[in-house]
Amino acid sequence: MTMIALLALITFAGTVQMPPACTKPDGMAVDLKGRLAVAAPNIDRKAPGAIFRIDEPGTTPVKWFEVPAHPETGYSQPMGITFGPEGELYVCDCNEKGKGRLLRVTFRDDAFAGCETVAEGLDNANGVKYLNGKLYLTQAFLYGVTRADGAATSGLYMFDAKDRNVRVKNTPDDPQCVFSDITRNPVVRGGLNGVAVNSKGEIFTGNYGDGRIWKLTPGPDGRIASHVEFVKPEAGIVTPDGLCVDADDNVYVADMRGDAAWRMTPQGAVELVRRGGFDRPSEPCAWKGTLYVADYGATTVQQIGLTTLAR
């Protein structure tokens, strides 16, 4: 299905400087009020894991709230985030192995009001998206799974938004695991990482180590009914990390080790948005005509205008 077209954007670019308390920007999502939320896992532990907010393009990012620390580890590392239909925020806390959580945060008058645990015991909680009352979460590495060929295993999990305190075993046999993949790259071991959903309810997720992107179609029960390799490794995306979808159902991917951002059209054409100028790009988000790309290796978010493509 992959068609490769190396196209250059001819539009503006800019940089958003995050506050000092955001040492590692990562997951992003737009809330019901049209504001951009940015997750900061701050894995260097120089600041608590927190969610930041940019209310309008060009305004200064502000710290929204700190994600509650895990009671055993004493910290949180929020990565993937997604908003639900009532304005609630779901957060992947990519904590220590076997201690990751999927959290549901609620607000009152824009202030943090409470936090519940949807799922716990996760090995590598990474990306998450809400779709039709379900939460689709990627685990880029299932540490307890060993294979004779040495390949690594990852999985896409599905939880009901009403679930609370679900504990998983971190294997493809988990009833919540609706799709799994293997990574054969012996150096870059990460698997299913970013996740995005288009207007048709199709789910996209990328294998970080092997450079492929899957398109998954859920059935009536939310479980994956069919899958197709939407982008093959030959397309040149080195390490597909975070994914997002714009209003036209184009899929964008942050290519962390490739130092690039890419776009996939609904028809499967792969277009290079920009190469270079990033610092370990980890997550994209299409917001108000601009692609925002988190620099996981820095304290910045890059801006790339999406109004005009050279063709």
C-alpha atoms as a PDB file:
ATOM      1  CA  MET A   1       0.000   0.000   0.000  1.00  0.00           C
ATOM      2  CA  THR A   2       2.915   2.347   0.647  1.00  0.00           C
ATOM      3  CA  MET A   3       3.624   5.016  -1.970  1.00  0.00           C
ATOM      4  CA  ILE A   4       6.619   7.233  -1.253  1.00  0.00           C
ATOM      5  CA  ALA A   5       6.677  10.912  -2.190  1.00  0.00           C
ATOM      6  CA  LEU A   6       9.365  13.151  -0.742  1.00  0.00           C
ATOM      7  CA  LEU A   7       7.608  16.509  -0.613  1.00  0.00           C
ATOM      8  CA  ALA A   8       8.733  19.699   1.062  1.00  0.00           C
ATOM      9  CA  LEU A   9       6.513  22.033   2.995  1.00  0.00           C
ATOM     10  CA  ILE A  10       6.727  25.673   1.907  1.00  0.00           C
ATOM     11  CA  THR A  11       5.334  27.446   4.917  1.00  0.00           C
ATOM     12  CA  PHE A  12       6.409  28.798   8.278  1.00  0.00           C
ATOM     13  CA  ALA A  13       8.260  27.100  11.104  1.00  0.00           C
ATOM     14  CA  GLY A  14       8.685  28.131  14.722  1.00  0.00           C
ATOM     15  CA  THR A  15       9.656  26.902  18.168  1.00  0.00           C
ATOM     16  CA  VAL A  16       7.728  26.896  21.440  1.00  0.00           C
ATOM     17  CA  GLN A  17       9.912  27.072  24.529  1.00  0.00           C
ATOM     18  CA  MET A  18       8.382  25.036  27.335  1.00  0.00           C
ATOM     19  CA  PRO A  19       8.691  26.220  30.983  1.00  0.00           C
ATOM     20  CA  PRO A  20      11.646  25.014  33.115  1.00  0.00           C
ATOM     21  CA  ALA A  21       9.394  22.456  34.868  1.00  0.00           C
ATOM     22  CA  CYS A  22       8.962  20.675  31.512  1.00  0.00           C
ATOM     23  CA  THR A  23      12.282  18.952  30.913  1.00  0.00           C
ATOM     24  CA  LYS A  24      10.982  16.294  28.504  1.00  0.00           C
ATOM     25  CA  PRO A  25       7.887  17.195  26.413  1.00  0.00           C
ATOM     26  CA  ASP A  26       6.124  14.200  24.913  1.00  0.00           C
ATOM     27  CA  GLY A  27       2.434  13.331  24.401  1.00  0.00           C
ATOM     28  CA  MET A  28      -0.025  15.964  23.176  1.00  0.00           C
ATOM     29  CA  ALA A  29      -3.794  16.230  22.776  1.00  0.00           C
ATOM     30  CA  VAL A  30      -6.393  18.928  22.165  1.00  0.00           C
ATOM     31  CA  ASP A  31      -9.100  19.345  24.823  1.00  0.00           C
ATOM     32  CA  LEU A  32     -12.793  20.124  24.316  1.00  0.00           C
ATOM     33  CA  LYS A  33     -12.059  23.848  24.602  1.00  0.00           C
ATOM     34  CA  GLY A  34      -9.573  23.681  21.743  1.00  0.00           C
ATOM     35  CA  ARG A  35      -6.447  24.023  23.883  1.00  0.00           C
ATOM     36  CA  LEU A  36      -3.251  22.029  23.423  1.00  0.00           C
ATOM     37  CA  ALA A  37      -2.191  19.851  26.360  1.00  0.00           C
ATOM     38  CA  VAL A  38       1.432  18.660  26.557  1.00  0.00           C
ATOM     39  CA  ALA A  39       2.606  15.802  28.764  1.00  0.00           C
ATOM     40  CA  ALA A  40       6.000  16.012  30.426  1.00  0.00           C
ATOM     41  CA  PRO A  41       7.307  12.652  31.739  1.00  0.00           C
ATOM     42  CA  ASN A  42      10.471  14.386  32.987  1.00  0.00           C
ATOM     43  CA  ILE A  43      12.327  11.087  33.198  1.00  0.00           C
ATOM     44  CA  ASP A  44      15.429  12.911  34.395  1.00  0.00           C
ATOM     45  CA  ARG A  45      13.451  13.511  37.635  1.00  0.00           C
ATOM     46  CA  LYS A  46      14.477  17.163  37.702  1.00  0.00           C
ATOM     47  CA  ALA A  47      10.796  18.046  38.003  1.00  0.00           C
ATOM     48  CA  PRO A  48       7.618  16.055  38.755  1.00  0.00           C
ATOM     49  CA  GLY A  49       5.705  14.511  35.870  1.00  0.00           C
ATOM     50  CA  ALA A  50       3.100  17.062  34.798  1.00  0.00           C
ATOM     51  CA  ILE A  51       0.672  18.218  32.139  1.00  0.00           C
ATOM     52  CA  PHE A  52       1.140  21.628  30.554  1.00  0.00           C
ATOM     53  CA  ARG A  53      -1.261  23.650  28.425  1.00  0.00           C
ATOM     54  CA  ILE A  54      -1.031  26.093  25.533  1.00  0.00           C
ATOM     55  CA  ASP A  55      -4.331  27.976  25.350  1.00  0.00           C
ATOM     56  CA  GLU A  56      -3.779  29.717  22.007  1.00  0.00           C
ATOM     57  CA  PRO A  57      -1.009  29.652  19.394  1.00  0.00           C
ATOM     58  CA  GLY A  58       1.687  32.112  20.347  1.00  0.00           C
ATOM     59  CA  THR A  59       0.823  32.185  24.053  1.00  0.00           C
ATOM     60  CA  THR A  60       3.174  31.062  26.802  1.00  0.00           C
ATOM     61  CA  PRO A  61       2.717  27.430  27.913  1.00  0.00           C
ATOM     62  CA  VAL A  62       1.591  27.059  31.516  1.00  0.00           C
ATOM     63  CA  LYS A  63       1.765  24.182  33.948  1.00  0.00           C
ATOM     64  CA  TRP A  64      -1.725  22.731  34.338  1.00  0.00           C
ATOM     65  CA  PHE A  65      -1.241  20.104  37.048  1.00  0.00           C
ATOM     66  CA  GLU A  66       1.167  17.471  38.343  1.00  0.00           C
ATOM     67  CA  VAL A  67       0.211  13.863  37.657  1.00  0.00           C
ATOM     68  CA  PRO A  68      -0.165  11.994  40.976  1.00  0.00           C
ATOM     69  CA  ALA A  69       2.884   9.929  41.815  1.00  0.00           C
ATOM     70  CA  HIS A  70       2.723   6.153  41.931  1.00  0.00           C
ATOM     71  CA  PRO A  71       2.362   5.130  45.594  1.00  0.00           C
ATOM     72  CA  GLU A  72       5.290   2.699  45.358  1.00  0.00           C
ATOM     73  CA  THR A  73       7.764   4.428  43.054  1.00  0.00           C
ATOM     74  CA  GLY A  74       7.055   7.952  44.294  1.00  0.00           C
ATOM     75  CA  TYR A  75       6.886   9.525  40.843  1.00  0.00           C
ATOM     76  CA  SER A  76       4.885   9.619  37.617  1.00  0.00           C
ATOM     77  CA  GLN A  77       6.037   9.726  33.992  1.00  0.00           C
ATOM     78  CA  PRO A  78       3.083  10.883  31.840  1.00  0.00           C
ATOM     79  CA  MET A  79       3.540  10.108  28.161  1.00  0.00           C
ATOM     80  CA  GLY A  80       0.540   9.475  25.907  1.00  0.00           C
ATOM     81  CA  ILE A  81      -2.616  11.474  26.682  1.00  0.00           C
ATOM     82  CA  THR A  82      -6.132  11.638  25.223  1.00  0.00           C
ATOM     83  CA  PHE A  83      -9.348  13.432  26.149  1.00  0.00           C
ATOM     84  CA  GLY A  84     -12.724  11.739  26.563  1.00  0.00           C
ATOM     85  CA  PRO A  85     -16.166  13.053  25.604  1.00  0.00           C
ATOM     86  CA  GLU A  86     -16.817  14.670  28.986  1.00  0.00           C
ATOM     87  CA  GLY A  87     -13.520  16.528  29.041  1.00  0.00           C
ATOM     88  CA  GLU A  88     -11.775  13.940  31.189  1.00  0.00           C
ATOM     89  CA  LEU A  89      -8.111  13.275  30.461  1.00  0.00           C
ATOM     90  CA  TYR A  90      -6.599   9.794  30.192  1.00  0.00           C
ATOM     91  CA  VAL A  91      -2.877   9.595  30.943  1.00  0.00           C
ATOM     92  CA  CYS A  92      -0.322   6.859  30.302  1.00  0.00           C
ATOM     93  CA  ASP A  93       2.001   6.795  33.292  1.00  0.00           C
ATOM     94  CA  CYS A  94       5.041   5.010  31.854  1.00  0.00           C
ATOM     95  CA  ASN A  95       6.487   4.111  35.222  1.00  0.00           C
ATOM     96  CA  GLU A  96       8.839   1.321  36.276  1.00  0.00           C
ATOM     97  CA  LYS A  97       8.430  -2.080  34.650  1.00  0.00           C
ATOM     98  CA  GLY A  98       5.201  -3.644  35.873  1.00  0.00           C
ATOM     99  CA  LYS A  99       4.116  -0.449  37.635  1.00  0.00           C
ATOM    100  CA  GLY A 100       2.760   1.592  34.751  1.00  0.00           C
ATOM    101  CA  ARG A 101      -0.770   2.963  34.946  1.00  0.00           C
ATOM    102  CA  LEU A 102      -3.568   4.283  32.793  1.00  0.00           C
ATOM    103  CA  LEU A 103      -5.130   7.151  34.731  1.00  0.00           C
ATOM    104  CA  ARG A 104      -8.399   9.067  34.383  1.00  0.00           C
ATOM    105  CA  VAL A 105      -8.155  12.699  35.472  1.00  0.00           C
ATOM    106  CA  THR A 106     -11.188  14.919  35.993  1.00  0.00           C
ATOM    107  CA  PHE A 107     -11.435  18.685  36.372  1.00  0.00           C
ATOM    108  CA  ARG A 108     -13.612  21.261  38.086  1.00  0.00           C
ATOM    109  CA  ASP A 109     -13.455  24.806  36.713  1.00  0.00           C
ATOM    110  CA  ASP A 110     -10.297  23.828  34.830  1.00  0.00           C
ATOM    111  CA  ALA A 111      -8.537  22.725  38.020  1.00  0.00           C
ATOM    112  CA  PHE A 112      -7.453  19.179  38.794  1.00  0.00           C
ATOM    113  CA  ALA A 113     -10.342  17.535  40.677  1.00  0.00           C
ATOM    114  CA  GLY A 114      -9.441  13.859  40.957  1.00  0.00           C
ATOM    115  CA  CYS A 115      -7.631  10.865  39.545  1.00  0.00           C
ATOM    116  CA  GLU A 116      -8.722   7.237  39.162  1.00  0.00           C
ATOM    117  CA  THR A 117      -6.772   4.237  37.907  1.00  0.00           C
ATOM    118  CA  VAL A 118      -8.231   2.536  34.850  1.00  0.00           C
ATOM    119  CA  ALA A 119      -5.450  -0.062  34.536  1.00  0.00           C
ATOM    120  CA  GLU A 120      -2.287  -0.886  36.465  1.00  0.00           C
ATOM    121  CA  GLY A 121       0.698  -3.201  36.426  1.00  0.00           C
ATOM    122  CA  LEU A 122       1.653  -2.128  32.891  1.00  0.00           C
ATOM    123  CA  ASP A 123       5.156  -2.788  31.603  1.00  0.00           C
ATOM    124  CA  ASN A 124       5.460   0.089  29.155  1.00  0.00           C
ATOM    125  CA  ALA A 125       2.381   2.321  28.939  1.00  0.00           C
ATOM    126  CA  ASN A 126       3.079   4.597  26.008  1.00  0.00           C
ATOM    127  CA  GLY A 127       0.361   5.932  23.674  1.00  0.00           C
ATOM    128  CA  VAL A 128      -3.404   6.084  24.231  1.00  0.00           C
ATOM    129  CA  LYS A 129      -6.504   7.135  22.264  1.00  0.00           C
ATOM    130  CA  TYR A 130     -10.220   7.207  23.109  1.00  0.00           C
ATOM    131  CA  LEU A 131     -12.670   5.668  20.604  1.00  0.00           C
ATOM    132  CA  ASN A 132     -16.345   4.809  21.137  1.00  0.00           C
ATOM    133  CA  GLY A 133     -16.093   4.280  24.878  1.00  0.00           C
ATOM    134  CA  LYS A 134     -12.847   2.306  24.600  1.00  0.00           C
ATOM    135  CA  LEU A 135      -9.264   3.232  25.375  1.00  0.00           C
ATOM    136  CA  TYR A 136      -6.562   1.864  23.087  1.00  0.00           C
ATOM    137  CA  LEU A 137      -3.143   1.815  24.738  1.00  0.00           C
ATOM    138  CA  THR A 138       0.211   0.711  23.364  1.00  0.00           C
ATOM    139  CA  GLN A 139       2.845  -1.167  25.295  1.00  0.00           C
ATOM    140  CA  ALA A 140       6.049  -0.808  23.311  1.00  0.00           C
ATOM    141  CA  PHE A 141       7.742  -3.660  25.146  1.00  0.00           C
ATOM    142  CA  LEU A 142       6.337  -6.654  27.025  1.00  0.00           C
ATOM    143  CA  TYR A 143       9.340  -7.514  29.154  1.00  0.00           C
ATOM    144  CA  GLY A 144       8.160 -10.902  30.342  1.00  0.00           C
ATOM    145  CA  VAL A 145       7.717 -12.342  26.855  1.00  0.00           C
ATOM    146  CA  THR A 146      10.713 -14.226  25.462  1.00  0.00           C
ATOM    147  CA  ARG A 147      10.999 -15.742  22.002  1.00  0.00           C
ATOM    148  CA  ALA A 148      13.398 -18.363  20.691  1.00  0.00           C
ATOM    149  CA  ASP A 149      14.387 -16.065  17.823  1.00  0.00           C
ATOM    150  CA  GLY A 150      15.206 -13.210  20.203  1.00  0.00           C
ATOM    151  CA  ALA A 151      12.601 -10.839  18.762  1.00  0.00           C
ATOM    152  CA  ALA A 152      10.819  -8.404  21.096  1.00  0.00           C
ATOM    153  CA  THR A 153       7.055  -8.375  21.652  1.00  0.00           C
ATOM    154  CA  SER A 154       4.705  -5.400  22.001  1.00  0.00           C
ATOM    155  CA  GLY A 155       0.951  -5.015  22.206  1.00  0.00           C
ATOM    156  CA  LEU A 156      -2.085  -2.813  21.719  1.00  0.00           C
ATOM    157  CA  TYR A 157      -4.453  -3.045  24.684  1.00  0.00           C
ATOM    158  CA  MET A 158      -8.138  -2.122  24.881  1.00  0.00           C
ATOM    159  CA  PHE A 159      -9.883  -1.037  28.071  1.00  0.00           C
ATOM    160  CA  ASP A 160     -13.432   0.120  28.627  1.00  0.00           C
ATOM    161  CA  ALA A 161     -13.539   3.740  29.737  1.00  0.00           C
ATOM    162  CA  LYS A 162     -15.586   2.525  32.721  1.00  0.00           C
ATOM    163  CA  ASP A 163     -12.890   0.069  33.822  1.00  0.00           C
ATOM    164  CA  ARG A 164     -11.135   0.677  37.117  1.00  0.00           C
ATOM    165  CA  ASN A 165      -8.042  -0.961  38.613  1.00  0.00           C
ATOM    166  CA  VAL A 166      -7.682  -3.588  35.884  1.00  0.00           C
ATOM    167  CA  ARG A 167      -4.425  -5.481  36.373  1.00  0.00           C
ATOM    168  CA  VAL A 168      -2.705  -7.001  33.349  1.00  0.00           C
ATOM    169  CA  LYS A 169      -0.070  -9.713  33.032  1.00  0.00           C
ATOM    170  CA  ASN A 170       1.767  -8.087  30.110  1.00  0.00           C
ATOM    171  CA  THR A 171       1.544 -10.876  27.554  1.00  0.00           C
ATOM    172  CA  PRO A 172      -0.383 -11.205  24.283  1.00  0.00           C
ATOM    173  CA  ASP A 173      -2.626 -13.661  26.147  1.00  0.00           C
ATOM    174  CA  ASP A 174      -4.075 -10.833  28.240  1.00  0.00           C
ATOM    175  CA  PRO A 175      -7.777 -10.522  27.356  1.00  0.00           C
ATOM    176  CA  GLN A 176      -7.199  -6.781  26.992  1.00  0.00           C
ATOM    177  CA  CYS A 177      -4.469  -7.273  24.350  1.00  0.00           C
ATOM    178  CA  VAL A 178      -6.242  -6.892  20.994  1.00  0.00           C
ATOM    179  CA  PHE A 179      -3.203  -6.778  18.698  1.00  0.00           C
ATOM    180  CA  SER A 180       0.452  -7.687  19.108  1.00  0.00           C
ATOM    181  CA  ASP A 181       3.553  -7.299  16.992  1.00  0.00           C
ATOM    182  CA  ILE A 182       7.170  -8.406  17.107  1.00  0.00           C
ATOM    183  CA  THR A 183      10.274  -6.300  16.563  1.00  0.00           C
ATOM    184  CA  ARG A 184      13.214  -7.981  14.855  1.00  0.00           C
ATOM    185  CA  ASN A 185      15.616  -5.050  15.042  1.00  0.00           C
ATOM    186  CA  PRO A 186      18.335  -6.382  17.406  1.00  0.00           C
ATOM    187  CA  VAL A 187      19.413  -2.895  18.485  1.00  0.00           C
ATOM    188  CA  VAL A 188      16.218  -0.838  18.634  1.00  0.00           C
ATOM    189  CA  ARG A 189      13.858  -3.145  20.518  1.00  0.00           C
ATOM    190  CA  GLY A 190      10.764  -0.993  20.923  1.00  0.00           C
ATOM    191  CA  GLY A 191       7.573  -2.067  19.174  1.00  0.00           C
ATOM    192  CA  LEU A 192       4.055  -0.604  19.036  1.00  0.00           C
ATOM    193  CA  ASN A 193       4.415   2.956  20.245  1.00  0.00           C
ATOM    194  CA  GLY A 194       2.254   5.825  18.999  1.00  0.00           C
ATOM    195  CA  VAL A 195      -1.461   5.441  18.312  1.00  0.00           C
ATOM    196  CA  ALA A 196      -3.948   7.577  16.367  1.00  0.00           C
ATOM    197  CA  VAL A 197      -7.579   7.282  15.266  1.00  0.00           C
ATOM    198  CA  ASN A 198      -9.132   8.756  12.114  1.00  0.00           C
ATOM    199  CA  SER A 199     -12.697   9.889  11.420  1.00  0.00           C
ATOM    200  CA  LYS A 200     -13.654   6.386  10.203  1.00  0.00           C
ATOM    201  CA  GLY A 201     -12.650   4.831  13.511  1.00  0.00           C
ATOM    202  CA  GLU A 202      -9.563   3.180  12.023  1.00  0.00           C
ATOM    203  CA  ILE A 203      -6.584   2.874  14.367  1.00  0.00           C
ATOM    204  CA  PHE A 204      -2.971   3.501  13.363  1.00  0.00           C
ATOM    205  CA  THR A 205       0.048   2.368  15.353  1.00  0.00           C
ATOM    206  CA  GLY A 206       3.732   2.105  14.477  1.00  0.00           C
ATOM    207  CA  ASN A 207       6.449  -0.427  15.238  1.00  0.00           C
ATOM    208  CA  TYR A 208       9.267   1.770  16.529  1.00  0.00           C
ATOM    209  CA  GLY A 209      12.160  -0.610  15.930  1.00  0.00           C
ATOM    210  CA  ASP A 210      11.174  -2.060  12.566  1.00  0.00           C
ATOM    211  CA  GLY A 211       9.795   1.115  10.945  1.00  0.00           C
ATOM    212  CA  ARG A 212       6.324  -0.067   9.933  1.00  0.00           C
ATOM    213  CA  ILE A 213       2.876   1.409  10.554  1.00  0.00           C
ATOM    214  CA  TRP A 214      -0.283  -0.681  10.908  1.00  0.00           C
ATOM    215  CA  LYS A 215      -3.867   0.251  10.100  1.00  0.00           C
ATOM    216  CA  LEU A 216      -6.276  -1.629  12.356  1.00  0.00           C
ATOM    217  CA  THR A 217     -10.049  -1.859  11.989  1.00  0.00           C
ATOM    218  CA  PRO A 218     -12.080  -2.535  15.153  1.00  0.00           C
ATOM    219  CA  GLY A 219     -15.204  -4.681  15.076  1.00  0.00           C
ATOM    220  CA  PRO A 220     -18.505  -3.904  16.828  1.00  0.00           C
ATOM    221  CA  ASP A 221     -17.067  -5.039  20.171  1.00  0.00           C
ATOM    222  CA  GLY A 222     -14.019  -2.797  19.787  1.00  0.00           C
ATOM    223  CA  ARG A 223     -11.596  -5.661  19.274  1.00  0.00           C
ATOM    224  CA  ILE A 224      -9.433  -5.611  16.161  1.00  0.00           C
ATOM    225  CA  ALA A 225     -11.285  -7.304  13.296  1.00  0.00           C
ATOM    226  CA  SER A 226      -8.668  -6.771  10.574  1.00  0.00           C
ATOM    227  CA  HIS A 227      -5.241  -5.261  10.075  1.00  0.00           C
ATOM    228  CA  VAL A 228      -3.045  -4.188   7.174  1.00  0.00           C
ATOM    229  CA  GLU A 229       0.556  -3.006   6.970  1.00  0.00           C
ATOM    230  CA  PHE A 230      -0.194   0.595   5.975  1.00  0.00           C
ATOM    231  CA  VAL A 231       3.431   1.755   5.695  1.00  0.00           C
ATOM    232  CA  LYS A 232       6.247  -0.705   5.102  1.00  0.00           C
ATOM    233  CA  PRO A 233       9.821  -0.283   6.371  1.00  0.00           C
ATOM    234  CA  GLU A 234      10.970   0.450   2.815  1.00  0.00           C
ATOM    235  CA  ALA A 235       9.229   3.832   3.016  1.00  0.00           C
ATOM    236  CA  GLY A 236      12.194   5.125   5.012  1.00  0.00           C
ATOM    237  CA  ILE A 237      10.560   6.014   8.332  1.00  0.00           C
ATOM    238  CA  VAL A 238      13.321   4.963  10.706  1.00  0.00           C
ATOM    239  CA  THR A 239      11.561   4.884  14.078  1.00  0.00           C
ATOM    240  CA  PRO A 240       7.848   5.791  14.074  1.00  0.00           C
ATOM    241  CA  ASP A 241       7.159   7.183  17.536  1.00  0.00           C
ATOM    242  CA  GLY A 242       4.048   9.288  18.210  1.00  0.00           C
ATOM    243  CA  LEU A 243       1.210   9.541  15.680  1.00  0.00           C
ATOM    244  CA  CYS A 244      -1.651  11.961  15.102  1.00  0.00           C
ATOM    245  CA  VAL A 245      -4.404  12.571  12.542  1.00  0.00           C
ATOM    246  CA  ASP A 246      -5.577  15.886  11.091  1.00  0.00           C
ATOM    247  CA  ALA A 247      -9.072  16.938  10.009  1.00  0.00           C
ATOM    248  CA  ASP A 248      -8.511  15.432   6.544  1.00  0.00           C
ATOM    249  CA  ASP A 249      -7.463  12.050   7.952  1.00  0.00           C
ATOM    250  CA  ASN A 250      -3.804  12.493   7.053  1.00  0.00           C
ATOM    251  CA  VAL A 251      -1.622  10.633   9.545  1.00  0.00           C
ATOM    252  CA  TYR A 252       1.525  12.309  10.884  1.00  0.00           C
ATOM    253  CA  VAL A 253       4.405  10.543  12.581  1.00  0.00           C
ATOM    254  CA  ALA A 254       7.379  11.753  14.602  1.00  0.00           C
ATOM    255  CA  ASP A 255      10.473   9.799  13.523  1.00  0.00           C
ATOM    256  CA  MET A 256      12.719  10.022  16.581  1.00  0.00           C
ATOM    257  CA  ARG A 257      15.952   8.469  15.289  1.00  0.00           C
ATOM    258  CA  GLY A 258      15.317   9.637  11.748  1.00  0.00           C
ATOM    259  CA  ASP A 259      15.147  13.253  12.983  1.00  0.00           C
ATOM    260  CA  ALA A 260      12.069  13.805  10.828  1.00  0.00           C
ATOM    261  CA  ALA A 261       8.327  14.289  10.615  1.00  0.00           C
ATOM    262  CA  TRP A 262       6.289  12.445   7.993  1.00  0.00           C
ATOM    263  CA  ARG A 263       2.755  12.525   6.622  1.00  0.00           C
ATOM    264  CA  MET A 264       0.713   9.602   5.273  1.00  0.00           C
ATOM    265  CA  THR A 265      -2.307  10.423   3.140  1.00  0.00           C
ATOM    266  CA  PRO A 266      -5.490   8.338   3.486  1.00  0.00           C
ATOM    267  CA  GLN A 267      -4.485   6.615   0.245  1.00  0.00           C
ATOM    268  CA  GLY A 268      -1.141   5.513   1.713  1.00  0.00           C
ATOM    269  CA  ALA A 269       1.257   7.997   0.107  1.00  0.00           C
ATOM    270  CA  VAL A 270       4.201   8.767   2.398  1.00  0.00           C
ATOM    271  CA  GLU A 271       5.384  12.380   2.345  1.00  0.00           C
ATOM    272  CA  LEU A 272       8.396  13.867   4.117  1.00  0.00           C
ATOM    273  CA  VAL A 273       7.278  16.940   6.050  1.00  0.00           C
ATOM    274  CA  ARG A 274      10.692  17.932   7.400  1.00  0.00           C
ATOM    275  CA  ARG A 275      14.031  16.333   8.135  1.00  0.00           C
ATOM    276  CA  GLY A 276      16.413  17.931  10.598  1.00  0.00           C
ATOM    277  CA  GLY A 277      15.982  20.697  13.106  1.00  0.00           C
ATOM    278  CA  PHE A 278      14.475  18.454  15.767  1.00  0.00           C
ATOM    279  CA  ASP A 279      15.922  17.049  18.981  1.00  0.00           C
ATOM    280  CA  ARG A 280      14.586  13.473  19.237  1.00  0.00           C
ATOM    281  CA  PRO A 281      11.065  14.189  17.927  1.00  0.00           C
ATOM    282  CA  SER A 282       8.628  12.020  19.846  1.00  0.00           C
ATOM    283  CA  GLU A 283       5.043  13.175  19.332  1.00  0.00           C
ATOM    284  CA  PRO A 284       3.129  15.221  16.732  1.00  0.00           C
ATOM    285  CA  CYS A 285      -0.202  16.994  17.097  1.00  0.00           C
ATOM    286  CA  ALA A 286      -2.113  18.837  14.372  1.00  0.00           C
ATOM    287  CA  TRP A 287      -3.565  21.953  16.012  1.00  0.00           C
ATOM    288  CA  LYS A 288      -5.135  24.961  14.307  1.00  0.00           C
ATOM    289  CA  GLY A 289      -3.435  24.480  10.952  1.00  0.00           C
ATOM    290  CA  THR A 290      -0.025  23.784  12.424  1.00  0.00           C
ATOM    291  CA  LEU A 291       1.854  20.597  13.194  1.00  0.00           C
ATOM    292  CA  TYR A 292       3.378  20.667  16.674  1.00  0.00           C
ATOM    293  CA  VAL A 293       6.212  18.187  17.268  1.00  0.00           C
ATOM    294  CA  ALA A 294       7.593  17.559  20.762  1.00  0.00           C
ATOM    295  CA  ASP A 295      11.383  17.560  21.126  1.00  0.00           C
ATOM    296  CA  TYR A 296      11.846  14.781  23.660  1.00  0.00           C
ATOM    297  CA  GLY A 297      15.571  15.491  23.801  1.00  0.00           C
ATOM    298  CA  ALA A 298      15.059  19.163  24.610  1.00  0.00           C
ATOM    299  CA  THR A 299      12.567  21.493  26.269  1.00  0.00           C
ATOM    300  CA  THR A 300      10.920  22.691  23.069  1.00  0.00           C
ATOM    301  CA  VAL A 301       8.020  21.940  20.746  1.00  0.00           C
ATOM    302  CA  GLN A 302       8.565  22.581  17.041  1.00  0.00           C
ATOM    303  CA  GLN A 303       5.891  24.236  14.848  1.00  0.00           C
ATOM    304  CA  ILE A 304       5.440  23.477  11.158  1.00  0.00           C
ATOM    305  CA  GLY A 305       2.713  25.167   9.149  1.00  0.00           C
ATOM    306  CA  LEU A 306       0.568  22.791   7.111  1.00  0.00           C
ATOM    307  CA  THR A 307      -1.155  25.132   4.685  1.00  0.00           C
ATOM    308  CA  THR A 308       0.865  24.553   1.505  1.00  0.00           C
ATOM    309  CA  LEU A 309       2.637  21.503   0.115  1.00  0.00           C
ATOM    310  CA  ALA A 310       4.967  21.617  -2.871  1.00  0.00           C
ATOM    311  CA  ARG A 311       3.663  19.169  -5.472  1.00  0.00           C
END
